[in-house]
Amino acid sequence: MSAIDGLPPLREVIARHDLRAKKQLGQNFLLDLNLTARIARAAGDLTQCDVIEVGPGPGGLTRGLLAEGARHVLAIEKDARAIPALQEIAAHYPGRLTVIQGDALQIDPLAHVTPPIRIAANLPYNIGTELLVGWLTPPQWPPFWQSLTLMFQKEVAQRIVARPGGKDYGRLAILAQWRCEARIVLTLPPQAFVPAPKVESAVVHLTALPEPRFPADARVLGEITRAAFNQRRKMLRAALRGLHPQVESLLEASGILPTARAEEIDLERYCALARALSAARATAAAGARQE
């Protein structure tokens, strides 16, 4: 399908620019412009927003975002081979697409976009989770972005929206759900991509909340969840033993059984534990200063 914008079909673009996907770059191209348009629509009303896209490749989603009316798109692409194809899209949408070649983990996009900002991307599999964690853990909240509409391997998407009690529930679910509404909006089979990956993919839409669901220090909450889920087979009194000498008392004060395991505890109680640990450390520090 090329009717969304009159540009050539993506298979033709890939052939003309020799854009065979590279495994080392985590590339799997989505060529169906009907699907890329659906992903763009899942990002919401873009007409008053700038959109950051990471890993656009030949530009299928880029075209969807622009066709859906995005005010401006910043496309960050590491693969130099894709830049000419993206520049052709930029010429078709004068003034609405900026293309930057480089590593998204190293580039500060804020010099190139104007709020309100949304992020939409078919993320390269090899850096997707790292990018997401960075967007979820900024120094200040609310973040610079309003929403994230991101494609992941389905198993990663399920970890983002997971609830307590299952194997998918972990630190990623807590980081996402503490500050965002998160839901899976689309699932895609392997054959939708070229080359076809070995797993299904899914698109997750995350909307930033004005403030976290429960009060907690982000650094302390991260410390607790990292320790808890890195040793998820252990009881929490053992997994968190290194965080405070009286960790069992802090667990009980937070409504958590010391014999519970990480996946059994909901977000609210993890936040309660983070507050208790912060208070205990502050008390200990105050006592040390008085000595």
C-alpha atoms as a PDB file:
ATOM      1  CA  MET A   1       0.000   0.000   0.000  1.00  0.00           C
ATOM      2  CA  SER A   2       1.350   3.438  -0.959  1.00  0.00           C
ATOM      3  CA  ALA A   3      -1.931   5.323  -1.124  1.00  0.00           C
ATOM      4  CA  ILE A   4      -1.399   7.006   2.247  1.00  0.00           C
ATOM      5  CA  ASP A   5       1.019   9.485   0.693  1.00  0.00           C
ATOM      6  CA  GLY A   6       1.757   8.696  -2.955  1.00  0.00           C
ATOM      7  CA  LEU A   7       5.322   7.592  -2.180  1.00  0.00           C
ATOM      8  CA  PRO A   8       6.619   4.242  -3.503  1.00  0.00           C
ATOM      9  CA  PRO A   9       5.856   0.944  -1.711  1.00  0.00           C
ATOM     10  CA  LEU A  10       8.377   0.068   0.968  1.00  0.00           C
ATOM     11  CA  ARG A  11       9.594  -3.056  -0.818  1.00  0.00           C
ATOM     12  CA  GLU A  12      10.578  -0.863  -3.751  1.00  0.00           C
ATOM     13  CA  VAL A  13      12.323   1.598  -1.414  1.00  0.00           C
ATOM     14  CA  ILE A  14      14.268  -1.205   0.265  1.00  0.00           C
ATOM     15  CA  ALA A  15      15.336  -2.714  -3.038  1.00  0.00           C
ATOM     16  CA  ARG A  16      16.392   0.636  -4.514  1.00  0.00           C
ATOM     17  CA  HIS A  17      18.505   1.584  -1.485  1.00  0.00           C
ATOM     18  CA  ASP A  18      19.733  -1.960  -0.735  1.00  0.00           C
ATOM     19  CA  LEU A  19      18.283  -1.822   2.767  1.00  0.00           C
ATOM     20  CA  ARG A  20      18.505  -5.455   3.746  1.00  0.00           C
ATOM     21  CA  ALA A  21      17.891  -5.691   7.490  1.00  0.00           C
ATOM     22  CA  LYS A  22      20.988  -6.168   9.645  1.00  0.00           C
ATOM     23  CA  LYS A  23      20.730  -8.488  12.623  1.00  0.00           C
ATOM     24  CA  GLN A  24      23.482  -6.645  14.509  1.00  0.00           C
ATOM     25  CA  LEU A  25      21.346  -3.482  14.398  1.00  0.00           C
ATOM     26  CA  GLY A  26      18.260  -5.313  15.678  1.00  0.00           C
ATOM     27  CA  GLN A  27      16.416  -4.537  12.427  1.00  0.00           C
ATOM     28  CA  ASN A  28      13.117  -6.116  11.405  1.00  0.00           C
ATOM     29  CA  PHE A  29      11.253  -3.975   8.901  1.00  0.00           C
ATOM     30  CA  LEU A  30       7.462  -3.617   8.982  1.00  0.00           C
ATOM     31  CA  LEU A  31       6.456  -3.155   5.339  1.00  0.00           C
ATOM     32  CA  ASP A  32       2.645  -3.079   5.511  1.00  0.00           C
ATOM     33  CA  LEU A  33       1.676   0.607   5.490  1.00  0.00           C
ATOM     34  CA  ASN A  34      -1.791  -0.303   6.758  1.00  0.00           C
ATOM     35  CA  LEU A  35      -0.134  -1.594   9.938  1.00  0.00           C
ATOM     36  CA  THR A  36       2.221   1.364  10.293  1.00  0.00           C
ATOM     37  CA  ALA A  37      -0.792   3.661   9.930  1.00  0.00           C
ATOM     38  CA  ARG A  38      -2.568   1.746  12.723  1.00  0.00           C
ATOM     39  CA  ILE A  39       0.450   2.222  14.988  1.00  0.00           C
ATOM     40  CA  ALA A  40       0.514   5.928  14.171  1.00  0.00           C
ATOM     41  CA  ARG A  41      -3.177   6.230  15.033  1.00  0.00           C
ATOM     42  CA  ALA A  42      -2.560   4.408  18.320  1.00  0.00           C
ATOM     43  CA  ALA A  43      -0.262   7.288  19.288  1.00  0.00           C
ATOM     44  CA  GLY A  44      -3.305   9.587  19.424  1.00  0.00           C
ATOM     45  CA  ASP A  45      -3.956  13.002  17.921  1.00  0.00           C
ATOM     46  CA  LEU A  46      -0.583  14.140  16.583  1.00  0.00           C
ATOM     47  CA  THR A  47      -1.646  17.312  14.842  1.00  0.00           C
ATOM     48  CA  GLN A  48      -0.408  19.565  17.646  1.00  0.00           C
ATOM     49  CA  CYS A  49       2.594  17.411  18.625  1.00  0.00           C
ATOM     50  CA  ASP A  50       6.202  16.822  17.673  1.00  0.00           C
ATOM     51  CA  VAL A  51       7.006  13.111  17.486  1.00  0.00           C
ATOM     52  CA  ILE A  52      10.342  11.428  18.169  1.00  0.00           C
ATOM     53  CA  GLU A  53      10.886   8.203  16.232  1.00  0.00           C
ATOM     54  CA  VAL A  54      13.860   5.931  16.927  1.00  0.00           C
ATOM     55  CA  GLY A  55      15.020   3.434  14.303  1.00  0.00           C
ATOM     56  CA  PRO A  56      12.759   4.412  11.395  1.00  0.00           C
ATOM     57  CA  GLY A  57      14.626   2.214   8.889  1.00  0.00           C
ATOM     58  CA  PRO A  58      13.054   2.674   5.443  1.00  0.00           C
ATOM     59  CA  GLY A  59      10.393   4.942   6.935  1.00  0.00           C
ATOM     60  CA  GLY A  60       7.153   2.968   7.099  1.00  0.00           C
ATOM     61  CA  LEU A  61       6.082   4.302  10.485  1.00  0.00           C
ATOM     62  CA  THR A  62       7.558   7.698   9.627  1.00  0.00           C
ATOM     63  CA  ARG A  63       5.169   7.921   6.705  1.00  0.00           C
ATOM     64  CA  GLY A  64       2.285   6.801   8.901  1.00  0.00           C
ATOM     65  CA  LEU A  65       3.013   9.480  11.493  1.00  0.00           C
ATOM     66  CA  LEU A  66       3.231  12.224   8.879  1.00  0.00           C
ATOM     67  CA  ALA A  67       0.136  11.022   7.036  1.00  0.00           C
ATOM     68  CA  GLU A  68      -1.758  11.048  10.346  1.00  0.00           C
ATOM     69  CA  GLY A  69      -0.902  14.728  10.681  1.00  0.00           C
ATOM     70  CA  ALA A  70       2.078  14.845  13.049  1.00  0.00           C
ATOM     71  CA  ARG A  71       3.178  18.465  13.341  1.00  0.00           C
ATOM     72  CA  HIS A  72       6.829  17.471  13.064  1.00  0.00           C
ATOM     73  CA  VAL A  73       8.742  14.175  13.235  1.00  0.00           C
ATOM     74  CA  LEU A  74      12.321  13.780  14.434  1.00  0.00           C
ATOM     75  CA  ALA A  75      13.665  10.498  13.048  1.00  0.00           C
ATOM     76  CA  ILE A  76      16.866   9.153  14.670  1.00  0.00           C
ATOM     77  CA  GLU A  77      18.510   6.438  12.591  1.00  0.00           C
ATOM     78  CA  LYS A  78      21.855   4.757  13.219  1.00  0.00           C
ATOM     79  CA  ASP A  79      22.075   2.999   9.840  1.00  0.00           C
ATOM     80  CA  ALA A  80      23.563   5.346   7.238  1.00  0.00           C
ATOM     81  CA  ARG A  81      22.033   3.254   4.436  1.00  0.00           C
ATOM     82  CA  ALA A  82      18.522   4.396   5.443  1.00  0.00           C
ATOM     83  CA  ILE A  83      19.226   8.134   5.404  1.00  0.00           C
ATOM     84  CA  PRO A  84      18.634   8.688   1.642  1.00  0.00           C
ATOM     85  CA  ALA A  85      15.255   6.916   1.843  1.00  0.00           C
ATOM     86  CA  LEU A  86      14.257   9.041   4.825  1.00  0.00           C
ATOM     87  CA  GLN A  87      15.378  12.217   3.055  1.00  0.00           C
ATOM     88  CA  GLU A  88      13.024  11.342   0.206  1.00  0.00           C
ATOM     89  CA  ILE A  89      10.169  11.307   2.733  1.00  0.00           C
ATOM     90  CA  ALA A  90      11.388  14.632   4.139  1.00  0.00           C
ATOM     91  CA  ALA A  91      11.259  16.150   0.636  1.00  0.00           C
ATOM     92  CA  HIS A  92       7.678  14.902   0.267  1.00  0.00           C
ATOM     93  CA  TYR A  93       6.691  16.583   3.570  1.00  0.00           C
ATOM     94  CA  PRO A  94       8.620  19.890   3.477  1.00  0.00           C
ATOM     95  CA  GLY A  95       9.533  21.208   6.912  1.00  0.00           C
ATOM     96  CA  ARG A  96       7.846  18.375   8.807  1.00  0.00           C
ATOM     97  CA  LEU A  97      10.583  15.722   9.023  1.00  0.00           C
ATOM     98  CA  THR A  98      14.068  16.083  10.496  1.00  0.00           C
ATOM     99  CA  VAL A  99      16.424  13.129  10.054  1.00  0.00           C
ATOM    100  CA  ILE A 100      19.441  12.643  12.323  1.00  0.00           C
ATOM    101  CA  GLN A 101      21.959   9.884  11.820  1.00  0.00           C
ATOM    102  CA  GLY A 102      23.319   8.561  15.106  1.00  0.00           C
ATOM    103  CA  ASP A 103      22.832   6.390  18.160  1.00  0.00           C
ATOM    104  CA  ALA A 104      19.586   7.157  19.995  1.00  0.00           C
ATOM    105  CA  LEU A 105      21.283   6.259  23.285  1.00  0.00           C
ATOM    106  CA  GLN A 106      23.755   9.102  22.727  1.00  0.00           C
ATOM    107  CA  ILE A 107      21.582  11.815  21.156  1.00  0.00           C
ATOM    108  CA  ASP A 108      19.636  14.463  23.083  1.00  0.00           C
ATOM    109  CA  PRO A 109      16.491  14.948  20.987  1.00  0.00           C
ATOM    110  CA  LEU A 110      15.211  17.986  22.866  1.00  0.00           C
ATOM    111  CA  ALA A 111      17.283  20.415  20.816  1.00  0.00           C
ATOM    112  CA  HIS A 112      15.254  19.388  17.764  1.00  0.00           C
ATOM    113  CA  VAL A 113      11.649  19.206  19.017  1.00  0.00           C
ATOM    114  CA  THR A 114       9.102  21.506  20.618  1.00  0.00           C
ATOM    115  CA  PRO A 115       6.528  20.465  23.261  1.00  0.00           C
ATOM    116  CA  PRO A 116       4.092  18.845  23.362  1.00  0.00           C
ATOM    117  CA  ILE A 117       6.157  15.781  22.451  1.00  0.00           C
ATOM    118  CA  ARG A 118       5.232  12.160  21.883  1.00  0.00           C
ATOM    119  CA  ILE A 119       7.481   9.198  21.123  1.00  0.00           C
ATOM    120  CA  ALA A 120       6.463   6.533  18.622  1.00  0.00           C
ATOM    121  CA  ALA A 121       8.801   3.849  17.334  1.00  0.00           C
ATOM    122  CA  ASN A 122       9.302   0.318  16.137  1.00  0.00           C
ATOM    123  CA  LEU A 123      12.307   0.075  18.427  1.00  0.00           C
ATOM    124  CA  PRO A 124      15.379  -1.929  17.456  1.00  0.00           C
ATOM    125  CA  TYR A 125      15.137  -5.078  19.574  1.00  0.00           C
ATOM    126  CA  ASN A 126      18.673  -4.747  20.910  1.00  0.00           C
ATOM    127  CA  ILE A 127      18.158  -1.345  22.611  1.00  0.00           C
ATOM    128  CA  GLY A 128      14.397  -1.163  23.126  1.00  0.00           C
ATOM    129  CA  THR A 129      14.279  -1.950  26.838  1.00  0.00           C
ATOM    130  CA  GLU A 130      17.235   0.304  27.616  1.00  0.00           C
ATOM    131  CA  LEU A 131      15.564   3.227  25.857  1.00  0.00           C
ATOM    132  CA  LEU A 132      12.267   2.582  27.645  1.00  0.00           C
ATOM    133  CA  VAL A 133      13.877   2.499  31.104  1.00  0.00           C
ATOM    134  CA  GLY A 134      15.625   5.794  30.313  1.00  0.00           C
ATOM    135  CA  TRP A 135      12.334   7.435  29.319  1.00  0.00           C
ATOM    136  CA  LEU A 136      10.617   6.102  32.455  1.00  0.00           C
ATOM    137  CA  THR A 137      13.316   7.284  34.876  1.00  0.00           C
ATOM    138  CA  PRO A 138      14.073  10.951  34.112  1.00  0.00           C
ATOM    139  CA  PRO A 139      15.414  13.254  36.848  1.00  0.00           C
ATOM    140  CA  GLN A 140      12.092  15.126  36.953  1.00  0.00           C
ATOM    141  CA  TRP A 141       8.484  14.046  36.534  1.00  0.00           C
ATOM    142  CA  PRO A 142       6.345  14.721  34.498  1.00  0.00           C
ATOM    143  CA  PRO A 143       8.795  13.859  31.708  1.00  0.00           C
ATOM    144  CA  PHE A 144       9.372  15.783  28.487  1.00  0.00           C
ATOM    145  CA  TRP A 145       7.042  13.397  26.622  1.00  0.00           C
ATOM    146  CA  GLN A 146       3.269  12.963  26.857  1.00  0.00           C
ATOM    147  CA  SER A 147       3.069   9.382  25.637  1.00  0.00           C
ATOM    148  CA  LEU A 148       5.110   6.480  24.304  1.00  0.00           C
ATOM    149  CA  THR A 149       3.799   4.207  21.537  1.00  0.00           C
ATOM    150  CA  LEU A 150       6.430   1.519  21.143  1.00  0.00           C
ATOM    151  CA  MET A 151       6.833  -1.847  19.473  1.00  0.00           C
ATOM    152  CA  PHE A 152       8.626  -4.600  21.378  1.00  0.00           C
ATOM    153  CA  GLN A 153       8.923  -8.338  21.298  1.00  0.00           C
ATOM    154  CA  LYS A 154       5.613  -9.544  22.731  1.00  0.00           C
ATOM    155  CA  GLU A 155       7.270 -11.003  25.827  1.00  0.00           C
ATOM    156  CA  VAL A 156       8.720  -7.560  26.673  1.00  0.00           C
ATOM    157  CA  ALA A 157       5.332  -5.900  26.111  1.00  0.00           C
ATOM    158  CA  GLN A 158       3.727  -8.410  28.472  1.00  0.00           C
ATOM    159  CA  ARG A 159       6.331  -7.576  31.127  1.00  0.00           C
ATOM    160  CA  ILE A 160       5.442  -3.880  30.869  1.00  0.00           C
ATOM    161  CA  VAL A 161       1.720  -4.429  31.542  1.00  0.00           C
ATOM    162  CA  ALA A 162       2.026  -7.451  33.874  1.00  0.00           C
ATOM    163  CA  ARG A 163       0.189  -7.670  37.205  1.00  0.00           C
ATOM    164  CA  PRO A 164       1.500  -9.175  40.446  1.00  0.00           C
ATOM    165  CA  GLY A 165       1.581 -12.925  40.793  1.00  0.00           C
ATOM    166  CA  GLY A 166       2.863 -14.026  37.411  1.00  0.00           C
ATOM    167  CA  LYS A 167       6.248 -14.742  35.878  1.00  0.00           C
ATOM    168  CA  ASP A 168       6.057 -11.636  33.664  1.00  0.00           C
ATOM    169  CA  TYR A 169       5.688  -9.291  36.632  1.00  0.00           C
ATOM    170  CA  GLY A 170       8.920  -7.578  37.547  1.00  0.00           C
ATOM    171  CA  ARG A 171      10.871  -4.361  37.760  1.00  0.00           C
ATOM    172  CA  LEU A 172       9.825  -3.203  34.284  1.00  0.00           C
ATOM    173  CA  ALA A 173       6.126  -3.433  35.206  1.00  0.00           C
ATOM    174  CA  ILE A 174       6.708  -1.393  38.352  1.00  0.00           C
ATOM    175  CA  LEU A 175       8.748   1.290  36.588  1.00  0.00           C
ATOM    176  CA  ALA A 176       6.093   1.628  33.881  1.00  0.00           C
ATOM    177  CA  GLN A 177       2.939   1.431  35.967  1.00  0.00           C
ATOM    178  CA  TRP A 178       4.164   3.666  38.802  1.00  0.00           C
ATOM    179  CA  ARG A 179       4.119   6.719  36.547  1.00  0.00           C
ATOM    180  CA  CYS A 180       2.099   5.684  33.477  1.00  0.00           C
ATOM    181  CA  GLU A 181      -1.054   4.112  32.161  1.00  0.00           C
ATOM    182  CA  ALA A 182       0.219   1.183  30.113  1.00  0.00           C
ATOM    183  CA  ARG A 183      -1.679  -1.086  27.718  1.00  0.00           C
ATOM    184  CA  ILE A 184      -1.018  -3.307  24.738  1.00  0.00           C
ATOM    185  CA  VAL A 185      -2.834  -1.863  21.698  1.00  0.00           C
ATOM    186  CA  LEU A 186      -1.726  -4.158  18.878  1.00  0.00           C
ATOM    187  CA  THR A 187      -0.145  -7.599  18.446  1.00  0.00           C
ATOM    188  CA  LEU A 188       1.709  -8.525  15.258  1.00  0.00           C
ATOM    189  CA  PRO A 189       2.754 -11.960  13.942  1.00  0.00           C
ATOM    190  CA  PRO A 190       6.329 -12.662  12.822  1.00  0.00           C
ATOM    191  CA  GLN A 191       5.331 -12.757   9.160  1.00  0.00           C
ATOM    192  CA  ALA A 192       4.408  -9.057   9.279  1.00  0.00           C
ATOM    193  CA  PHE A 193       8.146  -8.280   9.280  1.00  0.00           C
ATOM    194  CA  VAL A 194      11.087  -8.660   6.931  1.00  0.00           C
ATOM    195  CA  PRO A 195      12.979 -10.671   7.955  1.00  0.00           C
ATOM    196  CA  ALA A 196      10.451 -12.494  10.117  1.00  0.00           C
ATOM    197  CA  PRO A 197      11.618 -12.672  13.744  1.00  0.00           C
ATOM    198  CA  LYS A 198      11.172 -15.860  15.740  1.00  0.00           C
ATOM    199  CA  VAL A 199       8.662 -14.248  18.119  1.00  0.00           C
ATOM    200  CA  GLU A 200       5.467 -12.199  18.011  1.00  0.00           C
ATOM    201  CA  SER A 201       5.637  -8.447  18.502  1.00  0.00           C
ATOM    202  CA  ALA A 202       3.300  -6.058  20.292  1.00  0.00           C
ATOM    203  CA  VAL A 203       2.743  -2.318  20.480  1.00  0.00           C
ATOM    204  CA  VAL A 204       2.467  -0.780  23.944  1.00  0.00           C
ATOM    205  CA  HIS A 205       0.971   2.653  24.542  1.00  0.00           C
ATOM    206  CA  LEU A 206       2.086   4.411  27.734  1.00  0.00           C
ATOM    207  CA  THR A 207       0.551   7.705  28.832  1.00  0.00           C
ATOM    208  CA  ALA A 208       2.492   9.736  31.393  1.00  0.00           C
ATOM    209  CA  LEU A 209       0.557  10.440  34.593  1.00  0.00           C
ATOM    210  CA  PRO A 210       0.809  13.973  36.049  1.00  0.00           C
ATOM    211  CA  GLU A 211       2.421  12.448  39.145  1.00  0.00           C
ATOM    212  CA  PRO A 212       3.287   8.914  40.333  1.00  0.00           C
ATOM    213  CA  ARG A 213       0.433   6.741  41.580  1.00  0.00           C
ATOM    214  CA  PHE A 214       1.974   6.511  45.056  1.00  0.00           C
ATOM    215  CA  PRO A 215       4.636   8.682  46.715  1.00  0.00           C
ATOM    216  CA  ALA A 216       8.148   7.224  46.791  1.00  0.00           C
ATOM    217  CA  ASP A 217      11.713   8.238  46.097  1.00  0.00           C
ATOM    218  CA  ALA A 218      12.480   7.009  42.574  1.00  0.00           C
ATOM    219  CA  ARG A 219      16.050   6.066  43.413  1.00  0.00           C
ATOM    220  CA  VAL A 220      15.052   4.059  46.498  1.00  0.00           C
ATOM    221  CA  LEU A 221      12.168   2.349  44.696  1.00  0.00           C
ATOM    222  CA  GLY A 222      14.581   1.361  41.935  1.00  0.00           C
ATOM    223  CA  GLU A 223      17.065   0.039  44.481  1.00  0.00           C
ATOM    224  CA  ILE A 224      14.414  -2.102  46.165  1.00  0.00           C
ATOM    225  CA  THR A 225      12.943  -3.555  42.993  1.00  0.00           C
ATOM    226  CA  ARG A 226      16.365  -4.262  41.529  1.00  0.00           C
ATOM    227  CA  ALA A 227      17.388  -6.216  44.624  1.00  0.00           C
ATOM    228  CA  ALA A 228      14.026  -7.983  44.920  1.00  0.00           C
ATOM    229  CA  PHE A 229      13.726  -9.172  41.326  1.00  0.00           C
ATOM    230  CA  ASN A 230      17.391  -9.974  40.828  1.00  0.00           C
ATOM    231  CA  GLN A 231      16.801 -12.714  43.416  1.00  0.00           C
ATOM    232  CA  ARG A 232      13.131 -13.359  42.798  1.00  0.00           C
ATOM    233  CA  ARG A 233      13.276 -16.957  44.010  1.00  0.00           C
ATOM    234  CA  LYS A 234      14.339 -15.821  47.457  1.00  0.00           C
ATOM    235  CA  MET A 235      12.079 -14.559  50.212  1.00  0.00           C
ATOM    236  CA  LEU A 236      12.169 -10.778  50.433  1.00  0.00           C
ATOM    237  CA  ARG A 237      13.791 -10.784  53.855  1.00  0.00           C
ATOM    238  CA  ALA A 238      16.782 -12.483  52.215  1.00  0.00           C
ATOM    239  CA  ALA A 239      16.736 -10.676  48.870  1.00  0.00           C
ATOM    240  CA  LEU A 240      16.606  -7.237  50.557  1.00  0.00           C
ATOM    241  CA  ARG A 241      18.908  -8.031  53.467  1.00  0.00           C
ATOM    242  CA  GLY A 242      21.652  -5.758  52.173  1.00  0.00           C
ATOM    243  CA  LEU A 243      19.443  -2.643  52.077  1.00  0.00           C
ATOM    244  CA  HIS A 244      18.970  -2.137  55.831  1.00  0.00           C
ATOM    245  CA  PRO A 245      19.802  -4.011  59.069  1.00  0.00           C
ATOM    246  CA  GLN A 246      16.124  -4.056  60.122  1.00  0.00           C
ATOM    247  CA  VAL A 247      14.686  -4.940  56.739  1.00  0.00           C
ATOM    248  CA  GLU A 248      12.206  -7.440  58.230  1.00  0.00           C
ATOM    249  CA  SER A 249      10.696  -4.728  60.432  1.00  0.00           C
ATOM    250  CA  LEU A 250      10.456  -2.382  57.450  1.00  0.00           C
ATOM    251  CA  LEU A 251       8.719  -5.061  55.400  1.00  0.00           C
ATOM    252  CA  GLU A 252       6.174  -5.707  58.155  1.00  0.00           C
ATOM    253  CA  ALA A 253       5.577  -1.984  58.639  1.00  0.00           C
ATOM    254  CA  SER A 254       4.811  -1.744  54.915  1.00  0.00           C
ATOM    255  CA  GLY A 255       2.244  -4.543  55.017  1.00  0.00           C
ATOM    256  CA  ILE A 256       4.571  -7.098  53.419  1.00  0.00           C
ATOM    257  CA  LEU A 257       5.239 -10.558  54.802  1.00  0.00           C
ATOM    258  CA  PRO A 258       9.022 -11.028  55.094  1.00  0.00           C
ATOM    259  CA  THR A 259       8.544 -14.536  53.663  1.00  0.00           C
ATOM    260  CA  ALA A 260       6.841 -13.199  50.514  1.00  0.00           C
ATOM    261  CA  ARG A 261       8.612 -13.238  47.163  1.00  0.00           C
ATOM    262  CA  ALA A 262       9.103 -10.337  44.793  1.00  0.00           C
ATOM    263  CA  GLU A 263       6.367 -11.191  42.283  1.00  0.00           C
ATOM    264  CA  GLU A 264       3.712 -11.348  45.024  1.00  0.00           C
ATOM    265  CA  ILE A 265       3.959  -7.677  46.008  1.00  0.00           C
ATOM    266  CA  ASP A 266       1.922  -4.969  44.301  1.00  0.00           C
ATOM    267  CA  LEU A 267       3.075  -1.498  43.352  1.00  0.00           C
ATOM    268  CA  GLU A 268       1.434   0.234  46.310  1.00  0.00           C
ATOM    269  CA  ARG A 269       3.290  -1.906  48.849  1.00  0.00           C
ATOM    270  CA  TYR A 270       6.620  -1.493  47.045  1.00  0.00           C
ATOM    271  CA  CYS A 271       6.119   2.266  47.291  1.00  0.00           C
ATOM    272  CA  ALA A 272       5.249   1.942  50.989  1.00  0.00           C
ATOM    273  CA  LEU A 273       8.475  -0.004  51.515  1.00  0.00           C
ATOM    274  CA  ALA A 274      10.450   2.666  49.641  1.00  0.00           C
ATOM    275  CA  ARG A 275       9.036   5.350  51.959  1.00  0.00           C
ATOM    276  CA  ALA A 276       9.814   3.243  55.034  1.00  0.00           C
ATOM    277  CA  LEU A 277      13.373   2.616  53.898  1.00  0.00           C
ATOM    278  CA  SER A 278      13.913   6.306  53.091  1.00  0.00           C
ATOM    279  CA  ALA A 279      12.628   7.297  56.533  1.00  0.00           C
ATOM    280  CA  ALA A 280      14.779   4.695  58.307  1.00  0.00           C
ATOM    281  CA  ARG A 281      17.891   5.864  56.500  1.00  0.00           C
ATOM    282  CA  ALA A 282      17.103   9.510  57.240  1.00  0.00           C
ATOM    283  CA  THR A 283      16.699   8.705  60.942  1.00  0.00           C
ATOM    284  CA  ALA A 284      19.999   6.821  60.987  1.00  0.00           C
ATOM    285  CA  ALA A 285      21.770   9.673  59.221  1.00  0.00           C
ATOM    286  CA  ALA A 286      20.345  12.224  61.654  1.00  0.00           C
ATOM    287  CA  GLY A 287      21.503  10.112  64.601  1.00  0.00           C
ATOM    288  CA  ALA A 288      24.993   9.816  63.148  1.00  0.00           C
ATOM    289  CA  ARG A 289      25.252  13.602  62.789  1.00  0.00           C
ATOM    290  CA  GLN A 290      24.347  14.113  66.447  1.00  0.00           C
ATOM    291  CA  GLU A 291      27.069  11.787  67.694  1.00  0.00           C
END
